Amino acid sequence: LDLTKYTTLFALIILFIISAFMSRHFTKIGNLL
C-alpha cells in the first residue's frame, strides 16, 4: 500500500529519464520551464 502512494512519482521519474535519453534538448532549463 505504501508503494502505491508513489506510483505517480515513479512514473514521472521513469518518463523523465526516458525523455532525457530521447532528446538532448529535453533537460535544458528553458525547455523544462
Full PDB file with SEQRES, HELIX, SHEET, SSBOND, CRYST1, ORIGX, SCALE, CONECT and MASTER records, all heavy atoms in Angstrom:
SEQRES   1 A   33  LEU ASP LEU THR LYS TYR THR THR LEU PHE ALA LEU ILE          
SEQRES   2 A   33  ILE LEU PHE ILE ILE SER ALA PHE MET SER ARG HIS PHE          
SEQRES   3 A   33  THR LYS ILE GLY ASN LEU LEU                                  
HELIX    1 AA1 LEU A    3  TYR A    6  5                                   4    
HELIX    2 AA2 THR A    7  MET A   22  1                                  16    
HELIX    3 AA3 ILE A   29  LEU A   32  1                                   4    
CRYST1    1.000    1.000    1.000  90.00  90.00  90.00 P 1           1          
ORIGX1      1.000000  0.000000  0.000000        0.00000                         
ORIGX2      0.000000  1.000000  0.000000        0.00000                         
ORIGX3      0.000000  0.000000  1.000000        0.00000                         
SCALE1      1.000000  0.000000  0.000000        0.00000                         
SCALE2      0.000000  1.000000  0.000000        0.00000                         
SCALE3      0.000000  0.000000  1.000000        0.00000                         
ATOM      1  N   LEU A   1       0.828  -1.208   0.000  1.00  0.00           N  
ATOM      2  CA  LEU A   1       0.000   0.000   0.000  1.00  0.00           C  
ATOM      3  C   LEU A   1       0.861   1.257   0.000  1.00  0.00           C  
ATOM      4  O   LEU A   1       0.584   2.220  -0.674  1.00  0.00           O  
ATOM      5  CB  LEU A   1      -0.917  -0.018   1.224  1.00  0.00           C  
ATOM      6  CG  LEU A   1      -1.992   1.076   1.293  1.00  0.00           C  
ATOM      7  CD1 LEU A   1      -2.919   0.961   0.090  1.00  0.00           C  
ATOM      8  CD2 LEU A   1      -2.787   0.971   2.584  1.00  0.00           C  
ATOM      9  N   ASP A   2       1.949   1.235   0.745  1.00  0.00           N  
ATOM     10  CA  ASP A   2       2.859   2.371   0.787  1.00  0.00           C  
ATOM     11  C   ASP A   2       3.471   2.639  -0.583  1.00  0.00           C  
ATOM     12  O   ASP A   2       3.631   3.778  -0.997  1.00  0.00           O  
ATOM     13  CB  ASP A   2       3.967   2.126   1.811  1.00  0.00           C  
ATOM     14  CG  ASP A   2       3.455   2.247   3.240  1.00  0.00           C  
ATOM     15  OD1 ASP A   2       2.420   2.908   3.446  1.00  0.00           O  
ATOM     16  OD2 ASP A   2       4.078   1.663   4.130  1.00  0.00           O  
ATOM     17  N   LEU A   3       3.811   1.557  -1.298  1.00  0.00           N  
ATOM     18  CA  LEU A   3       4.421   1.718  -2.613  1.00  0.00           C  
ATOM     19  C   LEU A   3       3.443   2.330  -3.612  1.00  0.00           C  
ATOM     20  O   LEU A   3       3.840   3.111  -4.475  1.00  0.00           O  
ATOM     21  CB  LEU A   3       4.917   0.355  -3.130  1.00  0.00           C  
ATOM     22  CG  LEU A   3       6.182  -0.196  -2.466  1.00  0.00           C  
ATOM     23  CD1 LEU A   3       6.480  -1.594  -2.980  1.00  0.00           C  
ATOM     24  CD2 LEU A   3       7.380   0.722  -2.719  1.00  0.00           C  
ATOM     25  N   THR A   4       2.164   1.976  -3.495  1.00  0.00           N  
ATOM     26  CA  THR A   4       1.188   2.506  -4.451  1.00  0.00           C  
ATOM     27  C   THR A   4       1.038   4.019  -4.328  1.00  0.00           C  
ATOM     28  O   THR A   4       0.626   4.686  -5.278  1.00  0.00           O  
ATOM     29  CB  THR A   4      -0.195   1.841  -4.242  1.00  0.00           C  
ATOM     30  OG1 THR A   4      -0.638   2.098  -2.906  1.00  0.00           O  
ATOM     31  CG2 THR A   4      -0.123   0.338  -4.457  1.00  0.00           C  
ATOM     32  N   LYS A   5       1.372   4.564  -3.172  1.00  0.00           N  
ATOM     33  CA  LYS A   5       1.289   6.005  -2.987  1.00  0.00           C  
ATOM     34  C   LYS A   5       2.290   6.746  -3.864  1.00  0.00           C  
ATOM     35  O   LYS A   5       2.112   7.928  -4.152  1.00  0.00           O  
ATOM     36  CB  LYS A   5       1.546   6.369  -1.521  1.00  0.00           C  
ATOM     37  CG  LYS A   5       0.466   5.895  -0.548  1.00  0.00           C  
ATOM     38  CD  LYS A   5       0.821   6.288   0.865  1.00  0.00           C  
ATOM     39  CE  LYS A   5      -0.224   5.806   1.864  1.00  0.00           C  
ATOM     40  NZ  LYS A   5       0.132   6.165   3.262  1.00  0.00           N  
ATOM     41  N   TYR A   6       3.349   6.061  -4.260  1.00  0.00           N  
ATOM     42  CA  TYR A   6       4.419   6.710  -5.016  1.00  0.00           C  
ATOM     43  C   TYR A   6       4.438   6.296  -6.484  1.00  0.00           C  
ATOM     44  O   TYR A   6       5.400   6.555  -7.190  1.00  0.00           O  
ATOM     45  CB  TYR A   6       5.768   6.388  -4.358  1.00  0.00           C  
ATOM     46  CG  TYR A   6       5.851   6.829  -2.913  1.00  0.00           C  
ATOM     47  CD1 TYR A   6       5.692   5.914  -1.877  1.00  0.00           C  
ATOM     48  CD2 TYR A   6       6.053   8.165  -2.588  1.00  0.00           C  
ATOM     49  CE1 TYR A   6       5.749   6.322  -0.553  1.00  0.00           C  
ATOM     50  CE2 TYR A   6       6.111   8.575  -1.267  1.00  0.00           C  
ATOM     51  CZ  TYR A   6       5.956   7.651  -0.253  1.00  0.00           C  
ATOM     52  OH  TYR A   6       6.005   8.053   1.056  1.00  0.00           O  
ATOM     53  N   THR A   7       3.357   5.639  -6.932  1.00  0.00           N  
ATOM     54  CA  THR A   7       3.306   5.172  -8.317  1.00  0.00           C  
ATOM     55  C   THR A   7       3.475   6.317  -9.310  1.00  0.00           C  
ATOM     56  O   THR A   7       4.229   6.213 -10.287  1.00  0.00           O  
ATOM     57  CB  THR A   7       1.964   4.455  -8.586  1.00  0.00           C  
ATOM     58  OG1 THR A   7       1.821   3.361  -7.692  1.00  0.00           O  
ATOM     59  CG2 THR A   7       1.910   3.943 -10.021  1.00  0.00           C  
ATOM     60  N   THR A   8       2.769   7.425  -9.077  1.00  0.00           N  
ATOM     61  CA  THR A   8       2.850   8.573  -9.992  1.00  0.00           C  
ATOM     62  C   THR A   8       4.254   9.162  -9.998  1.00  0.00           C  
ATOM     63  O   THR A   8       4.774   9.533 -11.056  1.00  0.00           O  
ATOM     64  CB  THR A   8       1.846   9.661  -9.583  1.00  0.00           C  
ATOM     65  OG1 THR A   8       0.540   9.096  -9.481  1.00  0.00           O  
ATOM     66  CG2 THR A   8       1.812  10.778 -10.614  1.00  0.00           C  
ATOM     67  N   LEU A   9       4.896   9.233  -8.833  1.00  0.00           N  
ATOM     68  CA  LEU A   9       6.264   9.748  -8.747  1.00  0.00           C  
ATOM     69  C   LEU A   9       7.224   8.861  -9.513  1.00  0.00           C  
ATOM     70  O   LEU A   9       8.070   9.356 -10.261  1.00  0.00           O  
ATOM     71  CB  LEU A   9       6.687   9.855  -7.280  1.00  0.00           C  
ATOM     72  CG  LEU A   9       8.129  10.334  -7.024  1.00  0.00           C  
ATOM     73  CD1 LEU A   9       8.348  11.724  -7.605  1.00  0.00           C  
ATOM     74  CD2 LEU A   9       8.429  10.323  -5.534  1.00  0.00           C  
ATOM     75  N   PHE A  10       7.083   7.539  -9.349  1.00  0.00           N  
ATOM     76  CA  PHE A  10       7.941   6.601 -10.077  1.00  0.00           C  
ATOM     77  C   PHE A  10       7.750   6.768 -11.583  1.00  0.00           C  
ATOM     78  O   PHE A  10       8.720   6.771 -12.352  1.00  0.00           O  
ATOM     79  CB  PHE A  10       7.626   5.150  -9.672  1.00  0.00           C  
ATOM     80  CG  PHE A  10       7.988   4.821  -8.250  1.00  0.00           C  
ATOM     81  CD1 PHE A  10       7.273   3.865  -7.546  1.00  0.00           C  
ATOM     82  CD2 PHE A  10       9.035   5.469  -7.608  1.00  0.00           C  
ATOM     83  CE1 PHE A  10       7.598   3.559  -6.225  1.00  0.00           C  
ATOM     84  CE2 PHE A  10       9.369   5.181  -6.297  1.00  0.00           C  
ATOM     85  CZ  PHE A  10       8.646   4.219  -5.601  1.00  0.00           C  
ATOM     86  N   ALA A  11       6.480   6.908 -12.001  1.00  0.00           N  
ATOM     87  CA  ALA A  11       6.179   7.075 -13.431  1.00  0.00           C  
ATOM     88  C   ALA A  11       6.808   8.358 -13.966  1.00  0.00           C  
ATOM     89  O   ALA A  11       7.360   8.377 -15.083  1.00  0.00           O  
ATOM     90  CB  ALA A  11       4.672   7.101 -13.647  1.00  0.00           C  
ATOM     91  N   LEU A  12       6.757   9.428 -13.170  1.00  0.00           N  
ATOM     92  CA  LEU A  12       7.333  10.711 -13.582  1.00  0.00           C  
ATOM     93  C   LEU A  12       8.849  10.602 -13.731  1.00  0.00           C  
ATOM     94  O   LEU A  12       9.424  11.088 -14.717  1.00  0.00           O  
ATOM     95  CB  LEU A  12       6.988  11.790 -12.559  1.00  0.00           C  
ATOM     96  CG  LEU A  12       7.572  13.186 -12.798  1.00  0.00           C  
ATOM     97  CD1 LEU A  12       7.132  13.741 -14.147  1.00  0.00           C  
ATOM     98  CD2 LEU A  12       7.156  14.140 -11.672  1.00  0.00           C  
ATOM     99  N   ILE A  13       9.504   9.936 -12.787  1.00  0.00           N  
ATOM    100  CA  ILE A  13      10.966   9.780 -12.831  1.00  0.00           C  
ATOM    101  C   ILE A  13      11.377   8.962 -14.041  1.00  0.00           C  
ATOM    102  O   ILE A  13      12.311   9.324 -14.776  1.00  0.00           O  
ATOM    103  CB  ILE A  13      11.471   9.122 -11.530  1.00  0.00           C  
ATOM    104  CG1 ILE A  13      11.283  10.073 -10.341  1.00  0.00           C  
ATOM    105  CG2 ILE A  13      12.958   8.744 -11.670  1.00  0.00           C  
ATOM    106  CD1 ILE A  13      11.558   9.437  -8.999  1.00  0.00           C  
ATOM    107  N   ILE A  14      10.675   7.853 -14.271  1.00  0.00           N  
ATOM    108  CA  ILE A  14      10.993   6.985 -15.413  1.00  0.00           C  
ATOM    109  C   ILE A  14      10.796   7.730 -16.724  1.00  0.00           C  
ATOM    110  O   ILE A  14      11.632   7.666 -17.634  1.00  0.00           O  
ATOM    111  CB  ILE A  14      10.125   5.711 -15.378  1.00  0.00           C  
ATOM    112  CG1 ILE A  14      10.529   4.828 -14.182  1.00  0.00           C  
ATOM    113  CG2 ILE A  14      10.271   4.916 -16.678  1.00  0.00           C  
ATOM    114  CD1 ILE A  14       9.570   3.691 -13.913  1.00  0.00           C  
ATOM    115  N   LEU A  15       9.680   8.450 -16.832  1.00  0.00           N  
ATOM    116  CA  LEU A  15       9.391   9.210 -18.049  1.00  0.00           C  
ATOM    117  C   LEU A  15      10.437  10.295 -18.267  1.00  0.00           C  
ATOM    118  O   LEU A  15      10.871  10.539 -19.408  1.00  0.00           O  
ATOM    119  CB  LEU A  15       8.001   9.835 -17.952  1.00  0.00           C  
ATOM    120  CG  LEU A  15       7.507  10.628 -19.159  1.00  0.00           C  
ATOM    121  CD1 LEU A  15       7.438   9.738 -20.390  1.00  0.00           C  
ATOM    122  CD2 LEU A  15       6.133  11.238 -18.868  1.00  0.00           C  
ATOM    123  N   PHE A  16      10.871  10.930 -17.194  1.00  0.00           N  
ATOM    124  CA  PHE A  16      11.900  11.976 -17.285  1.00  0.00           C  
ATOM    125  C   PHE A  16      13.206  11.394 -17.820  1.00  0.00           C  
ATOM    126  O   PHE A  16      13.847  11.972 -18.708  1.00  0.00           O  
ATOM    127  CB  PHE A  16      12.132  12.600 -15.906  1.00  0.00           C  
ATOM    128  CG  PHE A  16      13.014  13.817 -15.925  1.00  0.00           C  
ATOM    129  CD1 PHE A  16      12.477  15.088 -16.017  1.00  0.00           C  
ATOM    130  CD2 PHE A  16      14.409  13.696 -15.864  1.00  0.00           C  
ATOM    131  CE1 PHE A  16      13.287  16.212 -16.044  1.00  0.00           C  
ATOM    132  CE2 PHE A  16      15.224  14.808 -15.891  1.00  0.00           C  
ATOM    133  CZ  PHE A  16      14.670  16.071 -15.977  1.00  0.00           C  
ATOM    134  N   ILE A  17      13.601  10.244 -17.306  1.00  0.00           N  
ATOM    135  CA  ILE A  17      14.856   9.593 -17.733  1.00  0.00           C  
ATOM    136  C   ILE A  17      14.779   9.187 -19.198  1.00  0.00           C  
ATOM    137  O   ILE A  17      15.710   9.420 -19.981  1.00  0.00           O  
ATOM    138  CB  ILE A  17      15.159   8.364 -16.845  1.00  0.00           C  
ATOM    139  CG1 ILE A  17      15.475   8.812 -15.411  1.00  0.00           C  
ATOM    140  CG2 ILE A  17      16.337   7.558 -17.419  1.00  0.00           C  
ATOM    141  CD1 ILE A  17      15.571   7.676 -14.424  1.00  0.00           C  
ATOM    142  N   ILE A  18      13.658   8.575 -19.587  1.00  0.00           N  
ATOM    143  CA  ILE A  18      13.479   8.154 -20.985  1.00  0.00           C  
ATOM    144  C   ILE A  18      13.528   9.361 -21.914  1.00  0.00           C  
ATOM    145  O   ILE A  18      14.191   9.328 -22.968  1.00  0.00           O  
ATOM    146  CB  ILE A  18      12.132   7.412 -21.154  1.00  0.00           C  
ATOM    147  CG1 ILE A  18      12.173   6.075 -20.411  1.00  0.00           C  
ATOM    148  CG2 ILE A  18      11.838   7.173 -22.639  1.00  0.00           C  
ATOM    149  CD1 ILE A  18      10.836   5.363 -20.376  1.00  0.00           C  
ATOM    150  N   SER A  19      12.853  10.439 -21.521  1.00  0.00           N  
ATOM    151  CA  SER A  19      12.819  11.652 -22.341  1.00  0.00           C  
ATOM    152  C   SER A  19      14.213  12.270 -22.478  1.00  0.00           C  
ATOM    153  O   SER A  19      14.575  12.770 -23.552  1.00  0.00           O  
ATOM    154  CB  SER A  19      11.859  12.676 -21.734  1.00  0.00           C  
ATOM    155  OG  SER A  19      10.553  12.164 -21.659  1.00  0.00           O  
ATOM    156  N   ALA A  20      14.990  12.214 -21.400  1.00  0.00           N  
ATOM    157  CA  ALA A  20      16.351  12.756 -21.431  1.00  0.00           C  
ATOM    158  C   ALA A  20      17.230  11.986 -22.408  1.00  0.00           C  
ATOM    159  O   ALA A  20      18.090  12.572 -23.085  1.00  0.00           O  
ATOM    160  CB  ALA A  20      16.958  12.710 -20.035  1.00  0.00           C  
ATOM    161  N   PHE A  21      17.005  10.680 -22.505  1.00  0.00           N  
ATOM    162  CA  PHE A  21      17.779   9.862 -23.438  1.00  0.00           C  
ATOM    163  C   PHE A  21      17.316  10.068 -24.879  1.00  0.00           C  
ATOM    164  O   PHE A  21      18.113  10.006 -25.815  1.00  0.00           O  
ATOM    165  CB  PHE A  21      17.652   8.372 -23.080  1.00  0.00           C  
ATOM    166  CG  PHE A  21      18.646   7.924 -22.045  1.00  0.00           C  
ATOM    167  CD1 PHE A  21      18.231   7.646 -20.752  1.00  0.00           C  
ATOM    168  CD2 PHE A  21      20.002   7.801 -22.346  1.00  0.00           C  
ATOM    169  CE1 PHE A  21      19.135   7.246 -19.778  1.00  0.00           C  
ATOM    170  CE2 PHE A  21      20.916   7.397 -21.384  1.00  0.00           C  
ATOM    171  CZ  PHE A  21      20.488   7.119 -20.102  1.00  0.00           C  
ATOM    172  N   MET A  22      16.033  10.348 -25.047  1.00  0.00           N  
ATOM    173  CA  MET A  22      15.475  10.500 -26.397  1.00  0.00           C  
ATOM    174  C   MET A  22      15.902  11.817 -27.040  1.00  0.00           C  
ATOM    175  O   MET A  22      16.027  11.897 -28.265  1.00  0.00           O  
ATOM    176  CB  MET A  22      13.949  10.417 -26.345  1.00  0.00           C  
ATOM    177  CG  MET A  22      13.420   9.026 -26.064  1.00  0.00           C  
ATOM    178  SD  MET A  22      11.613   8.986 -26.001  1.00  0.00           S  
ATOM    179  CE  MET A  22      11.182   9.386 -27.689  1.00  0.00           C  
ATOM    180  N   SER A  23      16.100  12.854 -26.224  1.00  0.00           N  
ATOM    181  CA  SER A  23      16.487  14.150 -26.779  1.00  0.00           C  
ATOM    182  C   SER A  23      17.420  14.882 -25.822  1.00  0.00           C  
ATOM    183  O   SER A  23      17.091  15.031 -24.641  1.00  0.00           O  
ATOM    184  CB  SER A  23      15.240  14.996 -27.052  1.00  0.00           C  
ATOM    185  OG  SER A  23      15.602  16.310 -27.443  1.00  0.00           O  
ATOM    186  N   ARG A  24      18.539  15.345 -26.344  1.00  0.00           N  
ATOM    187  CA  ARG A  24      19.484  16.078 -25.506  1.00  0.00           C  
ATOM    188  C   ARG A  24      18.962  17.477 -25.169  1.00  0.00           C  
ATOM    189  O   ARG A  24      19.466  18.135 -24.259  1.00  0.00           O  
ATOM    190  CB  ARG A  24      20.839  16.184 -26.204  1.00  0.00           C  
ATOM    191  CG  ARG A  24      20.800  16.902 -27.542  1.00  0.00           C  
ATOM    192  CD  ARG A  24      22.133  16.798 -28.266  1.00  0.00           C  
ATOM    193  NE  ARG A  24      22.101  17.421 -29.572  1.00  0.00           N  
ATOM    194  CZ  ARG A  24      22.300  18.703 -29.801  1.00  0.00           C  
ATOM    195  NH1 ARG A  24      22.555  19.519 -28.786  1.00  0.00           N  
ATOM    196  NH2 ARG A  24      22.258  19.194 -31.022  1.00  0.00           N  
ATOM    197  N   HIS A  25      17.950  17.925 -25.885  1.00  0.00           N  
ATOM    198  CA  HIS A  25      17.382  19.245 -25.621  1.00  0.00           C  
ATOM    199  C   HIS A  25      16.377  19.215 -24.471  1.00  0.00           C  
ATOM    200  O   HIS A  25      16.026  20.259 -23.932  1.00  0.00           O  
ATOM    201  CB  HIS A  25      16.680  19.783 -26.873  1.00  0.00           C  
ATOM    202  CG  HIS A  25      17.604  19.966 -28.037  1.00  0.00           C  
ATOM    203  ND1 HIS A  25      18.593  20.926 -28.054  1.00  0.00           N  
ATOM    204  CD2 HIS A  25      17.695  19.289 -29.227  1.00  0.00           C  
ATOM    205  CE1 HIS A  25      19.253  20.853 -29.207  1.00  0.00           C  
ATOM    206  NE2 HIS A  25      18.728  19.867 -29.928  1.00  0.00           N  
ATOM    207  N   PHE A  26      15.921  18.013 -24.124  1.00  0.00           N  
ATOM    208  CA  PHE A  26      14.849  17.898 -23.131  1.00  0.00           C  
ATOM    209  C   PHE A  26      15.234  18.493 -21.777  1.00  0.00           C  
ATOM    210  O   PHE A  26      14.448  19.175 -21.137  1.00  0.00           O  
ATOM    211  CB  PHE A  26      14.447  16.428 -22.952  1.00  0.00           C  
ATOM    212  CG  PHE A  26      13.451  16.216 -21.846  1.00  0.00           C  
ATOM    213  CD1 PHE A  26      12.111  16.525 -22.033  1.00  0.00           C  
ATOM    214  CD2 PHE A  26      13.862  15.728 -20.611  1.00  0.00           C  
ATOM    215  CE1 PHE A  26      11.187  16.349 -21.004  1.00  0.00           C  
ATOM    216  CE2 PHE A  26      12.951  15.549 -19.574  1.00  0.00           C  
ATOM    217  CZ  PHE A  26      11.613  15.856 -19.774  1.00  0.00           C  
ATOM    218  N   THR A  27      16.459  18.232 -21.324  1.00  0.00           N  
ATOM    219  CA  THR A  27      16.866  18.643 -19.974  1.00  0.00           C  
ATOM    220  C   THR A  27      17.330  20.094 -19.882  1.00  0.00           C  
ATOM    221  O   THR A  27      17.735  20.544 -18.802  1.00  0.00           O  
ATOM    222  CB  THR A  27      17.991  17.727 -19.455  1.00  0.00           C  
ATOM    223  OG1 THR A  27      19.066  17.710 -20.415  1.00  0.00           O  
ATOM    224  CG2 THR A  27      17.490  16.303 -19.239  1.00  0.00           C  
ATOM    225  N   LYS A  28      17.293  20.821 -20.972  1.00  0.00           N  
ATOM    226  CA  LYS A  28      17.669  22.237 -20.908  1.00  0.00           C  
ATOM    227  C   LYS A  28      16.657  23.006 -20.060  1.00  0.00           C  
ATOM    228  O   LYS A  28      15.452  22.750 -20.129  1.00  0.00           O  
ATOM    229  CB  LYS A  28      17.743  22.833 -22.317  1.00  0.00           C  
ATOM    230  CG  LYS A  28      18.919  22.297 -23.130  1.00  0.00           C  
ATOM    231  CD  LYS A  28      19.009  22.969 -24.480  1.00  0.00           C  
ATOM    232  CE  LYS A  28      20.243  22.486 -25.255  1.00  0.00           C  
ATOM    233  NZ  LYS A  28      20.343  23.118 -26.588  1.00  0.00           N  
ATOM    234  N   ILE A  29      17.160  23.914 -19.243  1.00  0.00           N  
ATOM    235  CA  ILE A  29      16.313  24.663 -18.319  1.00  0.00           C  
ATOM    236  C   ILE A  29      15.159  25.357 -19.038  1.00  0.00           C  
ATOM    237  O   ILE A  29      14.016  25.348 -18.570  1.00  0.00           O  
ATOM    238  CB  ILE A  29      17.144  25.714 -17.544  1.00  0.00           C  
ATOM    239  CG1 ILE A  29      18.207  25.022 -16.689  1.00  0.00           C  
ATOM    240  CG2 ILE A  29      16.234  26.562 -16.653  1.00  0.00           C  
ATOM    241  CD1 ILE A  29      17.644  24.092 -15.638  1.00  0.00           C  
ATOM    242  N   GLY A  30      15.465  25.943 -20.183  1.00  0.00           N  
ATOM    243  CA  GLY A  30      14.429  26.650 -20.944  1.00  0.00           C  
ATOM    244  C   GLY A  30      13.288  25.721 -21.337  1.00  0.00           C  
ATOM    245  O   GLY A  30      12.114  26.099 -21.254  1.00  0.00           O  
ATOM    246  N   ASN A  31      13.627  24.492 -21.754  1.00  0.00           N  
ATOM    247  CA  ASN A  31      12.592  23.535 -22.159  1.00  0.00           C  
ATOM    248  C   ASN A  31      11.774  23.062 -20.962  1.00  0.00           C  
ATOM    249  O   ASN A  31      10.546  22.955 -21.038  1.00  0.00           O  
ATOM    250  CB  ASN A  31      13.239  22.321 -22.844  1.00  0.00           C  
ATOM    251  CG  ASN A  31      12.206  21.340 -23.360  1.00  0.00           C  
ATOM    252  OD1 ASN A  31      11.360  21.681 -24.186  1.00  0.00           O  
ATOM    253  ND2 ASN A  31      12.246  20.117 -22.851  1.00  0.00           N  
ATOM    254  N   LEU A  32      12.437  22.797 -19.834  1.00  0.00           N  
ATOM    255  CA  LEU A  32      11.734  22.345 -18.638  1.00  0.00           C  
ATOM    256  C   LEU A  32      10.782  23.423 -18.111  1.00  0.00           C  
ATOM    257  O   LEU A  32       9.650  23.130 -17.704  1.00  0.00           O  
ATOM    258  CB  LEU A  32      12.737  21.948 -17.548  1.00  0.00           C  
ATOM    259  CG  LEU A  32      13.637  20.754 -17.883  1.00  0.00           C  
ATOM    260  CD1 LEU A  32      14.630  20.508 -16.749  1.00  0.00           C  
ATOM    261  CD2 LEU A  32      12.809  19.493 -18.141  1.00  0.00           C  
ATOM    262  N   LEU A  33      11.242  24.678 -18.144  1.00  0.00           N  
ATOM    263  CA  LEU A  33      10.373  25.775 -17.714  1.00  0.00           C  
ATOM    264  C   LEU A  33       9.201  25.960 -18.677  1.00  0.00           C  
ATOM    265  O   LEU A  33       8.090  26.308 -18.264  1.00  0.00           O  
ATOM    266  CB  LEU A  33      11.177  27.073 -17.615  1.00  0.00           C  
ATOM    267  CG  LEU A  33      12.143  27.176 -16.433  1.00  0.00           C  
ATOM    268  CD1 LEU A  33      12.976  28.447 -16.521  1.00  0.00           C  
ATOM    269  CD2 LEU A  33      11.387  27.142 -15.106  1.00  0.00           C  
TER     270      LEU A  33                                                      
MASTER        0    0    0    3    0    0    0    6  269    1    0    3          
END                                                                             
